[in-house]
Amino acid sequence: MLQAEINTQSVSNRFEKRGAFRVSNPVLSVEIDGVRFSTENWSLDGLLLNGVAEHIELDKPIEGIIGPIGSPEMCRFGGRIVRIDEDEMTTAIELDEKNADVAALLPLWVLKYGAR
């Protein structure tokens, strides 16, 4: 029997429970350690990034900056990597529940930039 290489790594997280409504517009720019990504989709609980960075590790805390692409509005965020999918070239981040700025700005960005 042939064994396929496993290219998806994940950890238990609340992000996977799909409790929050996912948004794909506006697309957010996400910068982690100087590397920029765009979002596939996002919610108040987490971000699904287009791309996999070599420097990030599963289940490790991260910090970065997010904001709508093309907007000067940016916000710092904290979270942890909960899934790395090399086949789909995506990275899932569970956002830190304690960041009040992120919780306030994400819905505002939907109203302000989502209709573009």
C-alpha atoms as a PDB file:
ATOM      1  CA  MET A   1       0.000   0.000   0.000  1.00  0.00           C
ATOM      2  CA  LEU A   2       1.382   3.419  -0.950  1.00  0.00           C
ATOM      3  CA  GLN A   3       1.584   6.109   1.696  1.00  0.00           C
ATOM      4  CA  ALA A   4       0.887   9.680   0.591  1.00  0.00           C
ATOM      5  CA  GLU A   5       2.910  12.451   2.138  1.00  0.00           C
ATOM      6  CA  ILE A   6       0.836  14.521   4.556  1.00  0.00           C
ATOM      7  CA  ASN A   7       1.044  18.167   3.584  1.00  0.00           C
ATOM      8  CA  THR A   8      -1.522  19.550   6.015  1.00  0.00           C
ATOM      9  CA  GLN A   9      -0.727  20.154   9.658  1.00  0.00           C
ATOM     10  CA  SER A  10      -3.263  21.461  12.166  1.00  0.00           C
ATOM     11  CA  VAL A  11      -3.979  21.768  15.877  1.00  0.00           C
ATOM     12  CA  SER A  12      -7.244  21.886  17.811  1.00  0.00           C
ATOM     13  CA  ASN A  13      -8.712  25.365  17.783  1.00  0.00           C
ATOM     14  CA  ARG A  14     -11.924  27.329  18.014  1.00  0.00           C
ATOM     15  CA  PHE A  15     -11.288  28.737  14.495  1.00  0.00           C
ATOM     16  CA  GLU A  16     -12.172  25.366  12.933  1.00  0.00           C
ATOM     17  CA  LYS A  17     -15.566  25.259  14.614  1.00  0.00           C
ATOM     18  CA  ARG A  18     -16.823  27.808  12.086  1.00  0.00           C
ATOM     19  CA  GLY A  19     -18.733  29.684  14.787  1.00  0.00           C
ATOM     20  CA  ALA A  20     -18.123  33.082  13.235  1.00  0.00           C
ATOM     21  CA  PHE A  21     -19.337  34.315   9.863  1.00  0.00           C
ATOM     22  CA  ARG A  22     -16.532  34.292   7.276  1.00  0.00           C
ATOM     23  CA  VAL A  23     -15.851  37.303   5.081  1.00  0.00           C
ATOM     24  CA  SER A  24     -13.868  37.424   1.851  1.00  0.00           C
ATOM     25  CA  ASN A  25     -14.388  41.116   1.071  1.00  0.00           C
ATOM     26  CA  PRO A  26     -12.550  43.261   1.873  1.00  0.00           C
ATOM     27  CA  VAL A  27      -9.369  41.313   1.284  1.00  0.00           C
ATOM     28  CA  LEU A  28      -6.950  42.069   4.092  1.00  0.00           C
ATOM     29  CA  SER A  29      -3.220  42.579   3.869  1.00  0.00           C
ATOM     30  CA  VAL A  30      -1.453  40.652   6.639  1.00  0.00           C
ATOM     31  CA  GLU A  31       2.177  41.252   7.510  1.00  0.00           C
ATOM     32  CA  ILE A  32       4.065  38.797   9.726  1.00  0.00           C
ATOM     33  CA  ASP A  33       7.797  39.327  10.323  1.00  0.00           C
ATOM     34  CA  GLY A  34       8.094  41.502   7.223  1.00  0.00           C
ATOM     35  CA  VAL A  35       6.328  39.009   4.913  1.00  0.00           C
ATOM     36  CA  ARG A  36       2.999  40.066   3.384  1.00  0.00           C
ATOM     37  CA  PHE A  37       0.035  37.842   2.689  1.00  0.00           C
ATOM     38  CA  SER A  38      -3.524  38.439   1.524  1.00  0.00           C
ATOM     39  CA  THR A  39      -6.547  36.802   3.091  1.00  0.00           C
ATOM     40  CA  GLU A  40      -8.617  34.121   1.394  1.00  0.00           C
ATOM     41  CA  ASN A  41     -11.275  34.789   4.021  1.00  0.00           C
ATOM     42  CA  TRP A  42     -11.478  35.890   7.641  1.00  0.00           C
ATOM     43  CA  SER A  43     -13.766  36.220  10.640  1.00  0.00           C
ATOM     44  CA  LEU A  44     -13.668  37.715  14.113  1.00  0.00           C
ATOM     45  CA  ASP A  45     -12.024  34.441  15.189  1.00  0.00           C
ATOM     46  CA  GLY A  46      -9.311  34.042  12.596  1.00  0.00           C
ATOM     47  CA  LEU A  47      -7.654  34.588   9.245  1.00  0.00           C
ATOM     48  CA  LEU A  48      -7.096  32.228   6.321  1.00  0.00           C
ATOM     49  CA  LEU A  49      -4.018  33.455   4.477  1.00  0.00           C
ATOM     50  CA  ASN A  50      -3.018  32.820   0.881  1.00  0.00           C
ATOM     51  CA  GLY A  51       0.458  31.366   1.173  1.00  0.00           C
ATOM     52  CA  VAL A  52       2.699  29.461   3.526  1.00  0.00           C
ATOM     53  CA  ALA A  53       5.727  31.141   5.051  1.00  0.00           C
ATOM     54  CA  GLU A  54       8.809  29.127   5.892  1.00  0.00           C
ATOM     55  CA  HIS A  55       9.459  30.991   9.125  1.00  0.00           C
ATOM     56  CA  ILE A  56       6.156  30.267  10.895  1.00  0.00           C
ATOM     57  CA  GLU A  57       5.505  27.179  12.985  1.00  0.00           C
ATOM     58  CA  LEU A  58       2.324  25.350  13.867  1.00  0.00           C
ATOM     59  CA  ASP A  59       0.791  26.221  17.264  1.00  0.00           C
ATOM     60  CA  LYS A  60       3.239  29.069  17.873  1.00  0.00           C
ATOM     61  CA  PRO A  61       2.144  32.569  18.886  1.00  0.00           C
ATOM     62  CA  ILE A  62       2.567  35.245  16.245  1.00  0.00           C
ATOM     63  CA  GLU A  63       2.108  38.977  15.973  1.00  0.00           C
ATOM     64  CA  GLY A  64       1.507  41.050  12.900  1.00  0.00           C
ATOM     65  CA  ILE A  65      -0.292  43.914  11.235  1.00  0.00           C
ATOM     66  CA  ILE A  66      -3.549  43.706   9.276  1.00  0.00           C
ATOM     67  CA  GLY A  67      -5.641  46.115   7.250  1.00  0.00           C
ATOM     68  CA  PRO A  68      -7.733  46.301   4.094  1.00  0.00           C
ATOM     69  CA  ILE A  69      -5.633  46.171   0.923  1.00  0.00           C
ATOM     70  CA  GLY A  70      -5.267  49.680  -0.490  1.00  0.00           C
ATOM     71  CA  SER A  71      -6.188  51.366   2.785  1.00  0.00           C
ATOM     72  CA  PRO A  72      -3.920  53.228   5.202  1.00  0.00           C
ATOM     73  CA  GLU A  73      -5.883  51.739   8.104  1.00  0.00           C
ATOM     74  CA  MET A  74      -3.807  49.104   9.853  1.00  0.00           C
ATOM     75  CA  CYS A  75      -4.039  47.339  13.195  1.00  0.00           C
ATOM     76  CA  ARG A  76      -1.697  45.129  15.220  1.00  0.00           C
ATOM     77  CA  PHE A  77      -2.922  41.631  16.010  1.00  0.00           C
ATOM     78  CA  GLY A  78      -1.824  38.596  17.968  1.00  0.00           C
ATOM     79  CA  GLY A  79      -2.736  34.970  17.457  1.00  0.00           C
ATOM     80  CA  ARG A  80      -1.352  31.526  16.734  1.00  0.00           C
ATOM     81  CA  ILE A  81      -0.891  29.339  13.678  1.00  0.00           C
ATOM     82  CA  VAL A  82      -3.514  26.576  13.735  1.00  0.00           C
ATOM     83  CA  ARG A  83      -3.170  25.061  10.247  1.00  0.00           C
ATOM     84  CA  ILE A  84      -0.569  24.960   7.513  1.00  0.00           C
ATOM     85  CA  ASP A  85      -1.794  23.428   4.247  1.00  0.00           C
ATOM     86  CA  GLU A  86       1.014  23.073   1.717  1.00  0.00           C
ATOM     87  CA  ASP A  87      -1.273  21.502  -0.914  1.00  0.00           C
ATOM     88  CA  GLU A  88      -3.700  24.438  -0.878  1.00  0.00           C
ATOM     89  CA  MET A  89      -0.913  26.922  -0.002  1.00  0.00           C
ATOM     90  CA  THR A  90      -2.870  28.410   2.902  1.00  0.00           C
ATOM     91  CA  THR A  91      -2.153  29.210   6.533  1.00  0.00           C
ATOM     92  CA  ALA A  92      -4.858  29.549   9.191  1.00  0.00           C
ATOM     93  CA  ILE A  93      -4.427  31.872  12.155  1.00  0.00           C
ATOM     94  CA  GLU A  94      -6.596  31.882  15.266  1.00  0.00           C
ATOM     95  CA  LEU A  95      -6.827  35.476  16.496  1.00  0.00           C
ATOM     96  CA  ASP A  96      -6.195  36.339  20.122  1.00  0.00           C
ATOM     97  CA  GLU A  97      -9.547  36.993  21.806  1.00  0.00           C
ATOM     98  CA  LYS A  98      -8.067  39.784  23.921  1.00  0.00           C
ATOM     99  CA  ASN A  99      -7.397  42.259  21.109  1.00  0.00           C
ATOM    100  CA  ALA A 100     -10.198  44.834  21.352  1.00  0.00           C
ATOM    101  CA  ASP A 101      -8.878  46.880  18.398  1.00  0.00           C
ATOM    102  CA  VAL A 102      -9.172  43.924  16.029  1.00  0.00           C
ATOM    103  CA  ALA A 103     -12.678  43.080  17.261  1.00  0.00           C
ATOM    104  CA  ALA A 104     -13.780  46.679  16.700  1.00  0.00           C
ATOM    105  CA  LEU A 105     -12.081  47.274  13.336  1.00  0.00           C
ATOM    106  CA  LEU A 106     -12.958  44.078  11.447  1.00  0.00           C
ATOM    107  CA  PRO A 107     -16.733  44.807  11.330  1.00  0.00           C
ATOM    108  CA  LEU A 108     -16.025  48.458  10.498  1.00  0.00           C
ATOM    109  CA  TRP A 109     -13.833  47.416   7.571  1.00  0.00           C
ATOM    110  CA  VAL A 110     -16.645  45.240   6.189  1.00  0.00           C
ATOM    111  CA  LEU A 111     -18.972  48.243   6.176  1.00  0.00           C
ATOM    112  CA  LYS A 112     -16.392  50.715   4.900  1.00  0.00           C
ATOM    113  CA  TYR A 113     -14.483  48.655   2.309  1.00  0.00           C
ATOM    114  CA  GLY A 114     -16.570  45.533   1.676  1.00  0.00           C
ATOM    115  CA  ALA A 115     -18.790  47.039  -1.005  1.00  0.00           C
ATOM    116  CA  ARG A 116     -15.926  47.973  -3.342  1.00  0.00           C
END
